[in-house]
C-alpha atoms as a PDB file:
ATOM      1  CA  MET A   1     -34.245 -33.411  -8.441  1.00  0.00           C
ATOM      2  CA  LYS A   2     -31.007 -34.660  -9.978  1.00  0.00           C
ATOM      3  CA  LEU A   3     -27.988 -32.832  -8.492  1.00  0.00           C
ATOM      4  CA  SER A   4     -24.906 -32.157 -10.571  1.00  0.00           C
ATOM      5  CA  VAL A   5     -21.656 -30.355  -9.855  1.00  0.00           C
ATOM      6  CA  SER A   6     -21.559 -26.654 -10.891  1.00  0.00           C
ATOM      7  CA  GLN A   7     -25.367 -26.503 -10.976  1.00  0.00           C
ATOM      8  CA  ARG A   8     -26.860 -23.220  -9.726  1.00  0.00           C
ATOM      9  CA  VAL A   9     -29.439 -23.844  -6.958  1.00  0.00           C
ATOM     10  CA  VAL A  10     -31.568 -22.052  -4.362  1.00  0.00           C
ATOM     11  CA  HIS A  11     -31.846 -23.235  -0.740  1.00  0.00           C
ATOM     12  CA  GLU A  12     -34.736 -22.004   1.415  1.00  0.00           C
ATOM     13  CA  LYS A  13     -32.458 -20.762   4.244  1.00  0.00           C
ATOM     14  CA  TYR A  14     -29.122 -19.878   2.587  1.00  0.00           C
ATOM     15  CA  GLY A  15     -30.310 -18.586  -0.791  1.00  0.00           C
ATOM     16  CA  LEU A  16     -28.392 -18.889  -4.060  1.00  0.00           C
ATOM     17  CA  GLY A  17     -25.378 -21.128  -4.447  1.00  0.00           C
ATOM     18  CA  VAL A  18     -23.451 -23.507  -6.674  1.00  0.00           C
ATOM     19  CA  ILE A  19     -23.030 -27.226  -6.025  1.00  0.00           C
ATOM     20  CA  SER A  20     -19.294 -27.864  -5.611  1.00  0.00           C
ATOM     21  CA  GLU A  21     -19.494 -31.597  -4.719  1.00  0.00           C
ATOM     22  CA  ALA A  22     -22.314 -34.120  -4.791  1.00  0.00           C
ATOM     23  CA  ASP A  23     -22.465 -37.867  -4.139  1.00  0.00           C
ATOM     24  CA  SER A  24     -24.983 -40.334  -2.713  1.00  0.00           C
ATOM     25  CA  GLN A  25     -24.292 -39.278   0.897  1.00  0.00           C
ATOM     26  CA  TYR A  26     -23.307 -35.593   0.947  1.00  0.00           C
ATOM     27  CA  THR A  27     -23.789 -32.448  -1.124  1.00  0.00           C
ATOM     28  CA  ILE A  28     -21.518 -29.448  -0.637  1.00  0.00           C
ATOM     29  CA  ILE A  29     -22.821 -26.088  -1.824  1.00  0.00           C
ATOM     30  CA  GLU A  30     -20.857 -22.823  -2.077  1.00  0.00           C
ATOM     31  CA  PHE A  31     -23.412 -20.117  -1.248  1.00  0.00           C
ATOM     32  CA  ASP A  32     -23.041 -16.546  -2.479  1.00  0.00           C
ATOM     33  CA  GLU A  33     -23.445 -14.948   0.947  1.00  0.00           C
ATOM     34  CA  HIS A  34     -22.922 -17.780   3.454  1.00  0.00           C
ATOM     35  CA  GLY A  35     -19.856 -19.658   2.255  1.00  0.00           C
ATOM     36  CA  SER A  36     -19.605 -23.429   1.901  1.00  0.00           C
ATOM     37  CA  LYS A  37     -22.164 -25.715   3.582  1.00  0.00           C
ATOM     38  CA  LYS A  38     -22.378 -29.522   3.706  1.00  0.00           C
ATOM     39  CA  PHE A  39     -25.767 -31.294   3.551  1.00  0.00           C
ATOM     40  CA  LEU A  40     -27.037 -34.852   3.602  1.00  0.00           C
ATOM     41  CA  THR A  41     -28.049 -35.475  -0.005  1.00  0.00           C
ATOM     42  CA  ARG A  42     -31.216 -37.377   0.885  1.00  0.00           C
ATOM     43  CA  LEU A  43     -32.484 -34.534   3.130  1.00  0.00           C
ATOM     44  CA  VAL A  44     -31.463 -31.362   1.299  1.00  0.00           C
ATOM     45  CA  SER A  45     -34.261 -29.351  -0.307  1.00  0.00           C
ATOM     46  CA  LEU A  46     -33.081 -27.410  -3.374  1.00  0.00           C
ATOM     47  CA  GLN A  47     -34.569 -25.735  -6.420  1.00  0.00           C
ATOM     48  CA  SER A  48     -32.780 -25.143  -9.697  1.00  0.00           C
ATOM     49  CA  SER A  49     -31.934 -21.526 -10.562  1.00  0.00           C
ATOM     50  CA  GLU A  50     -31.023 -19.760 -13.792  1.00  0.00           C
ATOM     51  CA  GLU A  51     -29.754 -16.612 -12.035  1.00  0.00           C
ATOM     52  CA  PRO A  52     -26.066 -15.954 -12.783  1.00  0.00           C
ATOM     53  CA  PRO A  53     -23.562 -15.991  -9.918  1.00  0.00           C
ATOM     54  CA  PRO A  54     -22.420 -12.622  -8.516  1.00  0.00           C
ATOM     55  CA  LYS A  55     -19.205 -11.093  -9.791  1.00  0.00           C
ATOM     56  CA  ARG A  56     -16.314 -11.771  -7.422  1.00  0.00           C
ATOM     57  CA  ARG A  57     -13.637  -9.206  -6.697  1.00  0.00           C
ATOM     58  CA  ARG A  58     -10.109 -10.088  -7.595  1.00  0.00           C
ATOM     59  CA  ALA A  59      -7.699 -10.484  -4.722  1.00  0.00           C
ATOM     60  CA  ARG A  60      -5.006  -7.845  -4.473  1.00  0.00           C
ATOM     61  CA  LYS A  61      -1.428  -8.874  -4.915  1.00  0.00           C
ATOM     62  CA  LYS A  62       0.751  -8.454  -1.857  1.00  0.00           C
ATOM     63  CA  ALA A  63       3.634  -6.030  -2.073  1.00  0.00           C
ATOM     64  CA  ALA A  64       7.041  -7.612  -2.636  1.00  0.00           C
ATOM     65  CA  THR A  65       8.592  -5.694   0.273  1.00  0.00           C
ATOM     66  CA  THR A  66       6.527  -7.208   3.056  1.00  0.00           C
ATOM     67  CA  THR A  67       8.304  -8.401   6.189  1.00  0.00           C
ATOM     68  CA  THR A  68       7.895 -11.897   7.516  1.00  0.00           C
ATOM     69  CA  LYS A  69       6.363 -12.698  10.870  1.00  0.00           C
ATOM     70  CA  LYS A  70       9.764 -13.713  12.262  1.00  0.00           C
ATOM     71  CA  GLU A  71      11.316 -10.382  11.255  1.00  0.00           C
ATOM     72  CA  THR A  72       8.466  -8.480  12.875  1.00  0.00           C
ATOM     73  CA  THR A  73       8.804 -10.525  16.085  1.00  0.00           C
ATOM     74  CA  LYS A  74      12.563  -9.931  16.224  1.00  0.00           C
ATOM     75  CA  LYS A  75      12.068  -6.183  15.805  1.00  0.00           C
ATOM     76  CA  ALA A  76       9.446  -6.103  18.549  1.00  0.00           C
ATOM     77  CA  ALA A  77      11.700  -8.099  20.900  1.00  0.00           C
ATOM     78  CA  ALA A  78      14.606  -5.740  20.240  1.00  0.00           C
ATOM     79  CA  LYS A  79      12.422  -2.735  21.073  1.00  0.00           C
ATOM     80  CA  LYS A  80      11.266  -4.330  24.329  1.00  0.00           C
ATOM     81  CA  THR A  81      14.806  -5.058  25.547  1.00  0.00           C
ATOM     82  CA  THR A  82      15.937  -1.529  24.622  1.00  0.00           C
ATOM     83  CA  THR A  83      12.993  -0.040  26.480  1.00  0.00           C
ATOM     84  CA  LYS A  84      13.674  -2.215  29.553  1.00  0.00           C
ATOM     85  CA  LYS A  85      17.340  -1.134  29.667  1.00  0.00           C
ATOM     86  CA  LYS A  86      16.406   2.538  29.521  1.00  0.00           C
ATOM     87  CA  THR A  87      13.800   2.101  32.219  1.00  0.00           C
ATOM     88  CA  THR A  88      16.247   0.273  34.473  1.00  0.00           C
ATOM     89  CA  LYS A  89      18.886   3.014  34.145  1.00  0.00           C
ATOM     90  CA  ALA A  90      16.329   5.708  34.857  1.00  0.00           C
ATOM     91  CA  SER A  91      14.970   3.913  37.918  1.00  0.00           C
ATOM     92  CA  LYS A  92      18.496   3.373  39.318  1.00  0.00           C
ATOM     93  CA  ALA A  93      19.249   7.089  38.941  1.00  0.00           C
ATOM     94  CA  THR A  94      16.003   7.939  40.731  1.00  0.00           C
ATOM     95  CA  LYS A  95      16.824   5.542  43.575  1.00  0.00           C
ATOM     96  CA  LYS A  96      20.289   7.082  44.042  1.00  0.00           C
ATOM     97  CA  THR A  97      18.904  10.616  44.265  1.00  0.00           C
ATOM     98  CA  THR A  98      16.217   9.466  46.713  1.00  0.00           C
ATOM     99  CA  LYS A  99      18.789   7.801  49.013  1.00  0.00           C
ATOM    100  CA  LYS A 100      21.000  10.946  49.119  1.00  0.00           C
ATOM    101  CA  ALA A 101      18.134  13.139  50.229  1.00  0.00           C
END
């Protein structure tokens, strides 16, 4: 069977897919349910298919007010140091009251 790019095919294990790259050594197929797979062209067993590809969902746009990873890390670090300071003050007060008794 002659393989061509964008041809719809069926593989016995992975099912329906579309050939994304094909040359004399390798064939890469983007399967509907299994993602991209790379095969040796001389060994791959495929059958042609007329079934249309499934409809893909559109990706959602990210909100413009998202924080960066650095900003999130800085906020988390600030919370940790604040929490540590409070804990230290509380533990010192507890130690003082324990020593007096």
